[in-house]
């Protein structure tokens, strides 16, 4: 009984010695010398924040530019709509009115899908 207690006490003491006997990371040995840890990454400079200049009106100016372009396009399409190829039904969407052929010589048109 006494020998078991002594054996257990010896194990606890030996385990304690092992736990405290371990080397700490900052103690150099001949097998594992300690070198200073350095980072070789490039140093990043802090970005300067731009000065706030106040309100800009770029979005509003872009809106007006787009409106002007749309107006020009609308006027151009209105002018082209007054041409006879768009307003005269005789043209069937052609640039020039199609020829009127005899019934036995009519051809199928790829543009408007009508025989003429």
PDB file of N, CA and C in Angstrom:
ATOM      1  N   UNK A   1       0.809  -1.175   0.000  1.00  0.00           N
ATOM      2  CA  UNK A   1       0.000   0.000   0.000  1.00  0.00           C
ATOM      3  C   UNK A   1       0.867   1.259   0.000  1.00  0.00           C
ATOM      4  N   UNK A   2       1.844   1.240   0.875  1.00  0.00           N
ATOM      5  CA  UNK A   2       2.732   2.379   0.993  1.00  0.00           C
ATOM      6  C   UNK A   2       3.576   2.504  -0.275  1.00  0.00           C
ATOM      7  N   UNK A   3       3.948   1.386  -0.823  1.00  0.00           N
ATOM      8  CA  UNK A   3       4.776   1.436  -2.019  1.00  0.00           C
ATOM      9  C   UNK A   3       3.998   2.026  -3.213  1.00  0.00           C
ATOM     10  N   UNK A   4       2.671   1.763  -3.270  1.00  0.00           N
ATOM     11  CA  UNK A   4       1.847   2.326  -4.341  1.00  0.00           C
ATOM     12  C   UNK A   4       1.762   3.851  -4.203  1.00  0.00           C
ATOM     13  N   UNK A   5       1.649   4.305  -2.944  1.00  0.00           N
ATOM     14  CA  UNK A   5       1.555   5.751  -2.711  1.00  0.00           C
ATOM     15  C   UNK A   5       2.865   6.431  -3.095  1.00  0.00           C
ATOM     16  N   UNK A   6       3.958   5.800  -2.785  1.00  0.00           N
ATOM     17  CA  UNK A   6       5.267   6.364  -3.116  1.00  0.00           C
ATOM     18  C   UNK A   6       5.463   6.375  -4.632  1.00  0.00           C
ATOM     19  N   UNK A   7       5.002   5.307  -5.250  1.00  0.00           N
ATOM     20  CA  UNK A   7       5.118   5.222  -6.711  1.00  0.00           C
ATOM     21  C   UNK A   7       4.286   6.317  -7.388  1.00  0.00           C
ATOM     22  N   UNK A   8       3.071   6.509  -6.914  1.00  0.00           N
ATOM     23  CA  UNK A   8       2.208   7.562  -7.483  1.00  0.00           C
ATOM     24  C   UNK A   8       2.792   8.952  -7.227  1.00  0.00           C
ATOM     25  N   UNK A   9       3.309   9.171  -6.036  1.00  0.00           N
ATOM     26  CA  UNK A   9       3.923  10.455  -5.709  1.00  0.00           C
ATOM     27  C   UNK A   9       5.144  10.708  -6.593  1.00  0.00           C
ATOM     28  N   UNK A  10       5.901   9.667  -6.855  1.00  0.00           N
ATOM     29  CA  UNK A  10       7.068   9.794  -7.723  1.00  0.00           C
ATOM     30  C   UNK A  10       6.673  10.117  -9.154  1.00  0.00           C
ATOM     31  N   UNK A  11       5.598   9.498  -9.644  1.00  0.00           N
ATOM     32  CA  UNK A  11       5.112   9.790 -11.007  1.00  0.00           C
ATOM     33  C   UNK A  11       4.661  11.248 -11.136  1.00  0.00           C
ATOM     34  N   UNK A  12       3.908  11.742 -10.140  1.00  0.00           N
ATOM     35  CA  UNK A  12       3.453  13.130 -10.192  1.00  0.00           C
ATOM     36  C   UNK A  12       4.629  14.102 -10.160  1.00  0.00           C
ATOM     37  N   UNK A  13       5.606  13.804  -9.341  1.00  0.00           N
ATOM     38  CA  UNK A  13       6.784  14.685  -9.266  1.00  0.00           C
ATOM     39  C   UNK A  13       7.583  14.653 -10.561  1.00  0.00           C
ATOM     40  N   UNK A  14       7.755  13.446 -11.107  1.00  0.00           N
ATOM     41  CA  UNK A  14       8.494  13.304 -12.359  1.00  0.00           C
ATOM     42  C   UNK A  14       7.759  14.010 -13.510  1.00  0.00           C
ATOM     43  N   UNK A  15       6.407  13.901 -13.543  1.00  0.00           N
ATOM     44  CA  UNK A  15       5.605  14.597 -14.558  1.00  0.00           C
ATOM     45  C   UNK A  15       5.709  16.106 -14.418  1.00  0.00           C
ATOM     46  N   UNK A  16       5.753  16.592 -13.176  1.00  0.00           N
ATOM     47  CA  UNK A  16       5.909  18.026 -12.942  1.00  0.00           C
ATOM     48  C   UNK A  16       7.263  18.530 -13.400  1.00  0.00           C
ATOM     49  N   UNK A  17       8.285  17.720 -13.143  1.00  0.00           N
ATOM     50  CA  UNK A  17       9.633  18.102 -13.570  1.00  0.00           C
ATOM     51  C   UNK A  17       9.697  18.168 -15.094  1.00  0.00           C
ATOM     52  N   UNK A  18       9.072  17.207 -15.764  1.00  0.00           N
ATOM     53  CA  UNK A  18       9.061  17.217 -17.234  1.00  0.00           C
ATOM     54  C   UNK A  18       8.321  18.440 -17.777  1.00  0.00           C
ATOM     55  N   UNK A  19       7.196  18.794 -17.139  1.00  0.00           N
ATOM     56  CA  UNK A  19       6.402  19.925 -17.613  1.00  0.00           C
ATOM     57  C   UNK A  19       7.161  21.233 -17.468  1.00  0.00           C
ATOM     58  N   UNK A  20       7.834  21.444 -16.344  1.00  0.00           N
ATOM     59  CA  UNK A  20       8.554  22.692 -16.123  1.00  0.00           C
ATOM     60  C   UNK A  20       9.950  22.672 -16.731  1.00  0.00           C
ATOM     61  N   UNK A  21      10.423  21.506 -17.063  1.00  0.00           N
ATOM     62  CA  UNK A  21      11.764  21.397 -17.604  1.00  0.00           C
ATOM     63  C   UNK A  21      11.842  21.662 -19.100  1.00  0.00           C
ATOM     64  N   UNK A  22      10.690  21.825 -19.746  1.00  0.00           N
ATOM     65  CA  UNK A  22      10.720  22.088 -21.191  1.00  0.00           C
ATOM     66  C   UNK A  22      11.258  23.473 -21.459  1.00  0.00           C
ATOM     67  N   UNK A  23      11.961  23.596 -22.570  1.00  0.00           N
ATOM     68  CA  UNK A  23      12.547  24.894 -22.909  1.00  0.00           C
ATOM     69  C   UNK A  23      11.471  25.850 -23.429  1.00  0.00           C
ATOM     70  N   UNK A  24      11.636  27.094 -23.204  1.00  0.00           N
ATOM     71  CA  UNK A  24      10.731  28.108 -23.724  1.00  0.00           C
ATOM     72  C   UNK A  24      11.217  28.511 -25.116  1.00  0.00           C
ATOM     73  N   UNK A  25      10.368  29.062 -25.968  1.00  0.00           N
ATOM     74  CA  UNK A  25      10.767  29.350 -27.340  1.00  0.00           C
ATOM     75  C   UNK A  25      11.881  30.385 -27.482  1.00  0.00           C
ATOM     76  N   UNK A  26      12.104  31.245 -26.490  1.00  0.00           N
ATOM     77  CA  UNK A  26      13.127  32.271 -26.641  1.00  0.00           C
ATOM     78  C   UNK A  26      14.497  31.833 -26.108  1.00  0.00           C
ATOM     79  N   UNK A  27      14.630  30.589 -25.684  1.00  0.00           N
ATOM     80  CA  UNK A  27      15.922  30.095 -25.224  1.00  0.00           C
ATOM     81  C   UNK A  27      16.608  29.362 -26.371  1.00  0.00           C
ATOM     82  N   UNK A  28      17.726  29.901 -26.893  1.00  0.00           N
ATOM     83  CA  UNK A  28      18.395  29.229 -28.001  1.00  0.00           C
ATOM     84  C   UNK A  28      19.205  28.027 -27.541  1.00  0.00           C
ATOM     85  N   UNK A  29      19.294  27.054 -28.419  1.00  0.00           N
ATOM     86  CA  UNK A  29      20.153  25.903 -28.191  1.00  0.00           C
ATOM     87  C   UNK A  29      21.038  25.766 -29.411  1.00  0.00           C
ATOM     88  N   UNK A  30      22.047  24.874 -29.308  1.00  0.00           N
ATOM     89  CA  UNK A  30      22.916  24.686 -30.469  1.00  0.00           C
ATOM     90  C   UNK A  30      22.184  23.965 -31.599  1.00  0.00           C
ATOM     91  N   UNK A  31      21.154  23.187 -31.240  1.00  0.00           N
ATOM     92  CA  UNK A  31      20.383  22.473 -32.260  1.00  0.00           C
ATOM     93  C   UNK A  31      19.370  23.400 -32.951  1.00  0.00           C
ATOM     94  N   UNK A  32      18.758  24.300 -32.180  1.00  0.00           N
ATOM     95  CA  UNK A  32      17.742  25.218 -32.713  1.00  0.00           C
ATOM     96  C   UNK A  32      18.069  26.642 -32.270  1.00  0.00           C
ATOM     97  N   UNK A  33      18.961  27.325 -32.982  1.00  0.00           N
ATOM     98  CA  UNK A  33      19.247  28.707 -32.591  1.00  0.00           C
ATOM     99  C   UNK A  33      18.063  29.614 -32.939  1.00  0.00           C
ATOM    100  N   UNK A  34      17.917  30.655 -32.157  1.00  0.00           N
ATOM    101  CA  UNK A  34      16.805  31.580 -32.373  1.00  0.00           C
ATOM    102  C   UNK A  34      17.287  32.725 -33.246  1.00  0.00           C
ATOM    103  N   UNK A  35      16.578  32.946 -34.348  1.00  0.00           N
ATOM    104  CA  UNK A  35      16.879  34.060 -35.233  1.00  0.00           C
ATOM    105  C   UNK A  35      15.755  35.079 -35.124  1.00  0.00           C
ATOM    106  N   UNK A  36      16.093  36.337 -35.250  1.00  0.00           N
ATOM    107  CA  UNK A  36      15.008  37.335 -35.182  1.00  0.00           C
ATOM    108  C   UNK A  36      14.056  37.151 -36.370  1.00  0.00           C
ATOM    109  N   UNK A  37      12.779  37.232 -36.086  1.00  0.00           N
ATOM    110  CA  UNK A  37      11.778  37.065 -37.141  1.00  0.00           C
ATOM    111  C   UNK A  37      11.630  38.385 -37.897  1.00  0.00           C
ATOM    112  N   UNK A  38      11.853  38.309 -39.185  1.00  0.00           N
ATOM    113  CA  UNK A  38      11.723  39.508 -40.013  1.00  0.00           C
ATOM    114  C   UNK A  38      10.794  39.201 -41.176  1.00  0.00           C
ATOM    115  N   UNK A  39      10.029  40.183 -41.571  1.00  0.00           N
ATOM    116  CA  UNK A  39       9.154  40.061 -42.731  1.00  0.00           C
ATOM    117  C   UNK A  39       9.827  40.745 -43.901  1.00  0.00           C
ATOM    118  N   UNK A  40       9.911  40.033 -44.999  1.00  0.00           N
ATOM    119  CA  UNK A  40      10.544  40.583 -46.189  1.00  0.00           C
ATOM    120  C   UNK A  40       9.529  41.103 -47.198  1.00  0.00           C
ATOM    121  N   UNK A  41       8.305  41.257 -46.774  1.00  0.00           N
ATOM    122  CA  UNK A  41       7.266  41.780 -47.655  1.00  0.00           C
ATOM    123  C   UNK A  41       7.475  43.281 -47.838  1.00  0.00           C
ATOM    124  N   UNK A  42       7.071  43.815 -49.006  1.00  0.00           N
ATOM    125  CA  UNK A  42       7.227  45.257 -49.199  1.00  0.00           C
ATOM    126  C   UNK A  42       6.318  46.041 -48.253  1.00  0.00           C
ATOM    127  N   UNK A  43       6.831  47.164 -47.822  1.00  0.00           N
ATOM    128  CA  UNK A  43       6.058  47.991 -46.907  1.00  0.00           C
ATOM    129  C   UNK A  43       5.011  48.772 -47.685  1.00  0.00           C
ATOM    130  N   UNK A  44       3.801  48.760 -47.193  1.00  0.00           N
ATOM    131  CA  UNK A  44       2.697  49.442 -47.853  1.00  0.00           C
ATOM    132  C   UNK A  44       2.512  50.804 -47.197  1.00  0.00           C
ATOM    133  N   UNK A  45       2.549  51.826 -48.029  1.00  0.00           N
ATOM    134  CA  UNK A  45       2.351  53.168 -47.512  1.00  0.00           C
ATOM    135  C   UNK A  45       0.863  53.412 -47.329  1.00  0.00           C
ATOM    136  N   UNK A  46       0.534  54.185 -46.349  1.00  0.00           N
ATOM    137  CA  UNK A  46      -0.859  54.514 -46.097  1.00  0.00           C
ATOM    138  C   UNK A  46      -1.362  55.437 -47.202  1.00  0.00           C
ATOM    139  N   UNK A  47      -2.563  55.147 -47.691  1.00  0.00           N
ATOM    140  CA  UNK A  47      -3.132  55.958 -48.761  1.00  0.00           C
ATOM    141  C   UNK A  47      -3.650  57.268 -48.191  1.00  0.00           C
ATOM    142  N   UNK A  48      -3.391  58.329 -48.940  1.00  0.00           N
ATOM    143  CA  UNK A  48      -3.882  59.629 -48.524  1.00  0.00           C
ATOM    144  C   UNK A  48      -5.336  59.758 -48.952  1.00  0.00           C
ATOM    145  N   UNK A  49      -6.154  60.252 -48.062  1.00  0.00           N
ATOM    146  CA  UNK A  49      -7.557  60.446 -48.384  1.00  0.00           C
ATOM    147  C   UNK A  49      -7.689  61.719 -49.224  1.00  0.00           C
ATOM    148  N   UNK A  50      -8.463  61.635 -50.307  1.00  0.00           N
ATOM    149  CA  UNK A  50      -8.625  62.844 -51.118  1.00  0.00           C
ATOM    150  C   UNK A  50      -9.440  63.894 -50.372  1.00  0.00           C
ATOM    151  N   UNK A  51      -9.131  65.118 -50.678  1.00  0.00           N
ATOM    152  CA  UNK A  51      -9.862  66.216 -50.047  1.00  0.00           C
ATOM    153  C   UNK A  51     -11.243  66.293 -50.668  1.00  0.00           C
ATOM    154  N   UNK A  52     -12.219  66.507 -49.860  1.00  0.00           N
ATOM    155  CA  UNK A  52     -13.591  66.643 -50.364  1.00  0.00           C
ATOM    156  C   UNK A  52     -13.744  68.035 -50.956  1.00  0.00           C
ATOM    157  N   UNK A  53     -14.054  68.065 -52.252  1.00  0.00           N
ATOM    158  CA  UNK A  53     -14.104  69.330 -52.956  1.00  0.00           C
ATOM    159  C   UNK A  53     -15.499  69.934 -52.950  1.00  0.00           C
ATOM    160  N   UNK A  54     -16.472  69.211 -52.470  1.00  0.00           N
ATOM    161  CA  UNK A  54     -17.825  69.722 -52.502  1.00  0.00           C
ATOM    162  C   UNK A  54     -18.631  68.984 -53.550  1.00  0.00           C
ATOM    163  N   UNK A  55     -19.785  69.509 -53.864  1.00  0.00           N
ATOM    164  CA  UNK A  55     -20.693  68.845 -54.785  1.00  0.00           C
ATOM    165  C   UNK A  55     -20.187  68.943 -56.219  1.00  0.00           C
ATOM    166  N   UNK A  56     -20.337  67.852 -56.969  1.00  0.00           N
ATOM    167  CA  UNK A  56     -20.021  67.867 -58.394  1.00  0.00           C
ATOM    168  C   UNK A  56     -21.321  67.686 -59.164  1.00  0.00           C
ATOM    169  N   UNK A  57     -21.342  68.227 -60.338  1.00  0.00           N
ATOM    170  CA  UNK A  57     -22.566  68.206 -61.125  1.00  0.00           C
ATOM    171  C   UNK A  57     -22.389  67.374 -62.388  1.00  0.00           C
ATOM    172  N   UNK A  58     -21.496  66.380 -62.332  1.00  0.00           N
ATOM    173  CA  UNK A  58     -21.243  65.548 -63.495  1.00  0.00           C
ATOM    174  C   UNK A  58     -22.482  64.758 -63.904  1.00  0.00           C
ATOM    175  N   UNK A  59     -23.178  64.181 -62.932  1.00  0.00           N
ATOM    176  CA  UNK A  59     -24.351  63.361 -63.240  1.00  0.00           C
ATOM    177  C   UNK A  59     -25.428  64.207 -63.915  1.00  0.00           C
ATOM    178  N   UNK A  60     -25.621  65.406 -63.413  1.00  0.00           N
ATOM    179  CA  UNK A  60     -26.638  66.275 -64.005  1.00  0.00           C
ATOM    180  C   UNK A  60     -26.237  66.681 -65.424  1.00  0.00           C
ATOM    181  N   UNK A  61     -24.960  67.000 -65.634  1.00  0.00           N
ATOM    182  CA  UNK A  61     -24.495  67.381 -66.965  1.00  0.00           C
ATOM    183  C   UNK A  61     -24.591  66.208 -67.934  1.00  0.00           C
ATOM    184  N   UNK A  62     -24.260  64.998 -67.460  1.00  0.00           N
ATOM    185  CA  UNK A  62     -24.398  63.813 -68.313  1.00  0.00           C
ATOM    186  C   UNK A  62     -25.849  63.586 -68.713  1.00  0.00           C
ATOM    187  N   UNK A  63     -26.777  63.832 -67.773  1.00  0.00           N
ATOM    188  CA  UNK A  63     -28.200  63.680 -68.068  1.00  0.00           C
ATOM    189  C   UNK A  63     -28.620  64.632 -69.181  1.00  0.00           C
ATOM    190  N   UNK A  64     -28.199  65.894 -69.093  1.00  0.00           N
ATOM    191  CA  UNK A  64     -28.573  66.855 -70.123  1.00  0.00           C
ATOM    192  C   UNK A  64     -27.937  66.519 -71.471  1.00  0.00           C
ATOM    193  N   UNK A  65     -26.717  66.003 -71.454  1.00  0.00           N
ATOM    194  CA  UNK A  65     -26.069  65.582 -72.706  1.00  0.00           C
ATOM    195  C   UNK A  65     -26.846  64.440 -73.360  1.00  0.00           C
ATOM    196  N   UNK A  66     -27.280  63.465 -72.548  1.00  0.00           N
ATOM    197  CA  UNK A  66     -28.061  62.347 -73.093  1.00  0.00           C
ATOM    198  C   UNK A  66     -29.389  62.835 -73.652  1.00  0.00           C
ATOM    199  N   UNK A  67     -30.022  63.770 -72.958  1.00  0.00           N
ATOM    200  CA  UNK A  67     -31.308  64.321 -73.431  1.00  0.00           C
ATOM    201  C   UNK A  67     -31.134  65.011 -74.787  1.00  0.00           C
ATOM    202  N   UNK A  68     -30.060  65.769 -74.940  1.00  0.00           N
ATOM    203  CA  UNK A  68     -29.809  66.445 -76.220  1.00  0.00           C
ATOM    204  C   UNK A  68     -29.588  65.434 -77.334  1.00  0.00           C
ATOM    205  N   UNK A  69     -28.853  64.378 -77.051  1.00  0.00           N
ATOM    206  CA  UNK A  69     -28.614  63.345 -78.067  1.00  0.00           C
ATOM    207  C   UNK A  69     -29.918  62.654 -78.457  1.00  0.00           C
ATOM    208  N   UNK A  70     -30.782  62.396 -77.469  1.00  0.00           N
ATOM    209  CA  UNK A  70     -32.083  61.780 -77.768  1.00  0.00           C
ATOM    210  C   UNK A  70     -32.942  62.706 -78.630  1.00  0.00           C
ATOM    211  N   UNK A  71     -32.923  63.999 -78.314  1.00  0.00           N
ATOM    212  CA  UNK A  71     -33.707  64.951 -79.102  1.00  0.00           C
ATOM    213  C   UNK A  71     -33.212  65.001 -80.547  1.00  0.00           C
ATOM    214  N   UNK A  72     -31.898  65.005 -80.742  1.00  0.00           N
ATOM    215  CA  UNK A  72     -31.345  65.012 -82.102  1.00  0.00           C
ATOM    216  C   UNK A  72     -31.772  63.757 -82.856  1.00  0.00           C
ATOM    217  N   UNK A  73     -31.726  62.611 -82.172  1.00  0.00           N
ATOM    218  CA  UNK A  73     -32.110  61.346 -82.810  1.00  0.00           C
ATOM    219  C   UNK A  73     -33.596  61.358 -83.181  1.00  0.00           C
ATOM    220  N   UNK A  74     -34.440  61.907 -82.306  1.00  0.00           N
ATOM    221  CA  UNK A  74     -35.877  61.967 -82.576  1.00  0.00           C
ATOM    222  C   UNK A  74     -36.169  62.860 -83.781  1.00  0.00           C
ATOM    223  N   UNK A  75     -35.509  64.018 -83.836  1.00  0.00           N
ATOM    224  CA  UNK A  75     -35.705  64.934 -84.967  1.00  0.00           C
ATOM    225  C   UNK A  75     -35.247  64.282 -86.268  1.00  0.00           C
ATOM    226  N   UNK A  76     -34.120  63.563 -86.219  1.00  0.00           N
ATOM    227  CA  UNK A  76     -33.609  62.896 -87.411  1.00  0.00           C
ATOM    228  C   UNK A  76     -34.580  61.812 -87.891  1.00  0.00           C
ATOM    229  N   UNK A  77     -35.141  61.049 -86.953  1.00  0.00           N
ATOM    230  CA  UNK A  77     -36.076  59.993 -87.354  1.00  0.00           C
ATOM    231  C   UNK A  77     -37.384  60.578 -87.890  1.00  0.00           C
ATOM    232  N   UNK A  78     -37.806  61.731 -87.343  1.00  0.00           N
ATOM    233  CA  UNK A  78     -39.007  62.388 -87.876  1.00  0.00           C
ATOM    234  C   UNK A  78     -38.777  62.867 -89.304  1.00  0.00           C
ATOM    235  N   UNK A  79     -37.580  63.402 -89.567  1.00  0.00           N
ATOM    236  CA  UNK A  79     -37.269  63.853 -90.923  1.00  0.00           C
ATOM    237  C   UNK A  79     -37.247  62.677 -91.891  1.00  0.00           C
ATOM    238  N   UNK A  80     -36.639  61.566 -91.461  1.00  0.00           N
ATOM    239  CA  UNK A  80     -36.564  60.423 -92.363  1.00  0.00           C
ATOM    240  C   UNK A  80     -37.935  59.768 -92.534  1.00  0.00           C
ATOM    241  N   UNK A  81     -38.822  59.930 -91.583  1.00  0.00           N
ATOM    242  CA  UNK A  81     -40.173  59.365 -91.698  1.00  0.00           C
ATOM    243  C   UNK A  81     -41.020  60.061 -92.742  1.00  0.00           C
ATOM    244  N   UNK A  82     -40.642  61.283 -93.092  1.00  0.00           N
ATOM    245  CA  UNK A  82     -41.419  62.010 -94.099  1.00  0.00           C
ATOM    246  C   UNK A  82     -41.023  61.617 -95.520  1.00  0.00           C
ATOM    247  N   UNK A  83     -39.969  60.815 -95.695  1.00  0.00           N
ATOM    248  CA  UNK A  83     -39.569  60.358 -97.018  1.00  0.00           C
ATOM    249  C   UNK A  83     -40.635  59.421 -97.570  1.00  0.00           C
ATOM    250  N   UNK A  84     -40.763  59.370 -98.900  1.00  0.00           N
ATOM    251  CA  UNK A  84     -41.834  58.546 -99.466  1.00  0.00           C
ATOM    252  C   UNK A  84     -41.671  57.050 -99.203  1.00  0.00           C
ATOM    253  N   UNK A  85     -40.466  56.580 -98.996  1.00  0.00           N
ATOM    254  CA  UNK A  85     -40.308  55.150 -98.773  1.00  0.00           C
ATOM    255  C   UNK A  85     -40.930  54.708 -97.452  1.00  0.00           C
ATOM    256  N   UNK A  86     -41.145  55.650 -96.521  1.00  0.00           N
ATOM    257  CA  UNK A  86     -41.779  55.314 -95.257  1.00  0.00           C
ATOM    258  C   UNK A  86     -43.249  55.732 -95.233  1.00  0.00           C
ATOM    259  N   UNK A  87     -43.588  56.822 -95.907  1.00  0.00           N
ATOM    260  CA  UNK A  87     -44.952  57.341 -95.805  1.00  0.00           C
ATOM    261  C   UNK A  87     -45.872  56.823 -96.920  1.00  0.00           C
ATOM    262  N   UNK A  88     -45.338  56.509 -98.077  1.00  0.00           N
ATOM    263  CA  UNK A  88     -46.160  56.065 -99.207  1.00  0.00           C
ATOM    264  C   UNK A  88     -46.340  54.549 -99.150  1.00  0.00           C
ATOM    265  N   UNK A  89     -47.568  54.028 -99.109  1.00  0.00           N
ATOM    266  CA  UNK A  89     -47.777  52.580 -99.024  1.00  0.00           C
ATOM    267  C   UNK A  89     -47.373  51.835-100.294  1.00  0.00           C
ATOM    268  N   UNK A  90     -47.163  52.563-101.386  1.00  0.00           N
ATOM    269  CA  UNK A  90     -46.784  51.919-102.644  1.00  0.00           C
ATOM    270  C   UNK A  90     -45.369  51.341-102.586  1.00  0.00           C
ATOM    271  N   UNK A  91     -44.534  51.799-101.639  1.00  0.00           N
ATOM    272  CA  UNK A  91     -43.136  51.385-101.565  1.00  0.00           C
ATOM    273  C   UNK A  91     -42.951  50.047-100.836  1.00  0.00           C
ATOM    274  N   UNK A  92     -43.874  49.660 -99.976  1.00  0.00           N
ATOM    275  CA  UNK A  92     -43.822  48.388 -99.233  1.00  0.00           C
ATOM    276  C   UNK A  92     -42.527  48.236 -98.427  1.00  0.00           C
ATOM    277  N   UNK A  93     -41.924  49.321 -97.959  1.00  0.00           N
ATOM    278  CA  UNK A  93     -40.689  49.243 -97.201  1.00  0.00           C
ATOM    279  C   UNK A  93     -39.437  49.248 -98.038  1.00  0.00           C
ATOM    280  N   UNK A  94     -39.567  49.343 -99.379  1.00  0.00           N
ATOM    281  CA  UNK A  94     -38.396  49.388-100.256  1.00  0.00           C
ATOM    282  C   UNK A  94     -37.887  50.816-100.370  1.00  0.00           C
ATOM    283  N   UNK A  95     -36.647  50.985-100.810  1.00  0.00           N
ATOM    284  CA  UNK A  95     -36.109  52.327-101.030  1.00  0.00           C
ATOM    285  C   UNK A  95     -36.745  52.957-102.263  1.00  0.00           C
ATOM    286  N   UNK A  96     -36.960  52.159-103.298  1.00  0.00           N
ATOM    287  CA  UNK A  96     -37.646  52.614-104.507  1.00  0.00           C
ATOM    288  C   UNK A  96     -38.885  51.752-104.687  1.00  0.00           C
ATOM    289  N   UNK A  97     -39.903  52.264-105.314  1.00  0.00           N
ATOM    290  CA  UNK A  97     -41.105  51.424-105.476  1.00  0.00           C
ATOM    291  C   UNK A  97     -40.782  50.208-106.346  1.00  0.00           C
ATOM    292  N   UNK A  98     -41.276  49.026-105.962  1.00  0.00           N
ATOM    293  CA  UNK A  98     -40.970  47.838-106.748  1.00  0.00           C
ATOM    294  C   UNK A  98     -41.636  47.862-108.120  1.00  0.00           C
ATOM    295  N   UNK A  99     -41.027  47.143-109.066  1.00  0.00           N
ATOM    296  CA  UNK A  99     -41.589  47.080-110.423  1.00  0.00           C
ATOM    297  C   UNK A  99     -42.884  46.297-110.412  1.00  0.00           C
ATOM    298  N   UNK A 100     -43.789  46.725-111.265  1.00  0.00           N
ATOM    299  CA  UNK A 100     -45.035  45.987-111.417  1.00  0.00           C
ATOM    300  C   UNK A 100     -44.877  45.098-112.642  1.00  0.00           C
ATOM    301  N   UNK A 101     -44.767  43.794-112.392  1.00  0.00           N
ATOM    302  CA  UNK A 101     -44.577  42.844-113.481  1.00  0.00           C
ATOM    303  C   UNK A 101     -45.894  42.212-113.871  1.00  0.00           C
ATOM    304  N   UNK A 102     -45.848  41.580-114.992  1.00  0.00           N
ATOM    305  CA  UNK A 102     -47.031  40.842-115.447  1.00  0.00           C
ATOM    306  C   UNK A 102     -47.261  39.666-114.507  1.00  0.00           C
ATOM    307  N   UNK A 103     -48.487  39.162-114.475  1.00  0.00           N
ATOM    308  CA  UNK A 103     -48.828  38.103-113.519  1.00  0.00           C
ATOM    309  C   UNK A 103     -47.979  36.847-113.691  1.00  0.00           C
ATOM    310  N   UNK A 104     -47.625  36.497-114.884  1.00  0.00           N
ATOM    311  CA  UNK A 104     -46.845  35.279-115.089  1.00  0.00           C
ATOM    312  C   UNK A 104     -45.346  35.497-114.817  1.00  0.00           C
ATOM    313  N   UNK A 105     -44.907  36.747-114.672  1.00  0.00           N
ATOM    314  CA  UNK A 105     -43.487  37.041-114.431  1.00  0.00           C
ATOM    315  C   UNK A 105     -43.212  37.578-113.018  1.00  0.00           C
ATOM    316  N   UNK A 106     -44.208  37.542-112.140  1.00  0.00           N
ATOM    317  CA  UNK A 106     -44.018  38.069-110.777  1.00  0.00           C
ATOM    318  C   UNK A 106     -43.004  37.228-109.998  1.00  0.00           C
ATOM    319  N   UNK A 107     -42.237  37.912-109.146  1.00  0.00           N
ATOM    320  CA  UNK A 107     -41.229  37.253-108.326  1.00  0.00           C
ATOM    321  C   UNK A 107     -41.550  37.491-106.853  1.00  0.00           C
ATOM    322  N   UNK A 108     -41.133  36.532-106.013  1.00  0.00           N
ATOM    323  CA  UNK A 108     -41.308  36.666-104.573  1.00  0.00           C
ATOM    324  C   UNK A 108     -40.254  37.627-104.035  1.00  0.00           C
ATOM    325  N   UNK A 109     -40.650  38.630-103.268  1.00  0.00           N
ATOM    326  CA  UNK A 109     -39.740  39.636-102.722  1.00  0.00           C
ATOM    327  C   UNK A 109     -39.282  39.216-101.329  1.00  0.00           C
ATOM    328  N   UNK A 110     -37.968  39.231-101.102  1.00  0.00           N
ATOM    329  CA  UNK A 110     -37.405  38.863 -99.795  1.00  0.00           C
ATOM    330  C   UNK A 110     -37.583  39.969 -98.765  1.00  0.00           C
ATOM    331  N   UNK A 111     -37.742  41.205 -99.201  1.00  0.00           N
ATOM    332  CA  UNK A 111     -37.842  42.340 -98.287  1.00  0.00           C
ATOM    333  C   UNK A 111     -39.223  42.402 -97.647  1.00  0.00           C
ATOM    334  N   UNK A 112     -40.252  42.382 -98.471  1.00  0.00           N
ATOM    335  CA  UNK A 112     -41.591  42.571 -97.921  1.00  0.00           C
ATOM    336  C   UNK A 112     -42.429  41.299 -97.914  1.00  0.00           C
ATOM    337  N   UNK A 113     -41.988  40.239 -98.601  1.00  0.00           N
ATOM    338  CA  UNK A 113     -42.722  38.976 -98.587  1.00  0.00           C
ATOM    339  C   UNK A 113     -43.930  38.976 -99.494  1.00  0.00           C
ATOM    340  N   UNK A 114     -43.943  39.841-100.490  1.00  0.00           N
ATOM    341  CA  UNK A 114     -45.063  39.948-101.440  1.00  0.00           C
ATOM    342  C   UNK A 114     -44.525  39.624-102.827  1.00  0.00           C
ATOM    343  N   UNK A 115     -45.415  39.050-103.671  1.00  0.00           N
ATOM    344  CA  UNK A 115     -45.028  38.837-105.093  1.00  0.00           C
ATOM    345  C   UNK A 115     -45.351  40.117-105.850  1.00  0.00           C
ATOM    346  N   UNK A 116     -44.359  40.623-106.536  1.00  0.00           N
ATOM    347  CA  UNK A 116     -44.589  41.787-107.401  1.00  0.00           C
ATOM    348  C   UNK A 116     -43.491  41.864-108.438  1.00  0.00           C
TER     349      UNK A 116
END
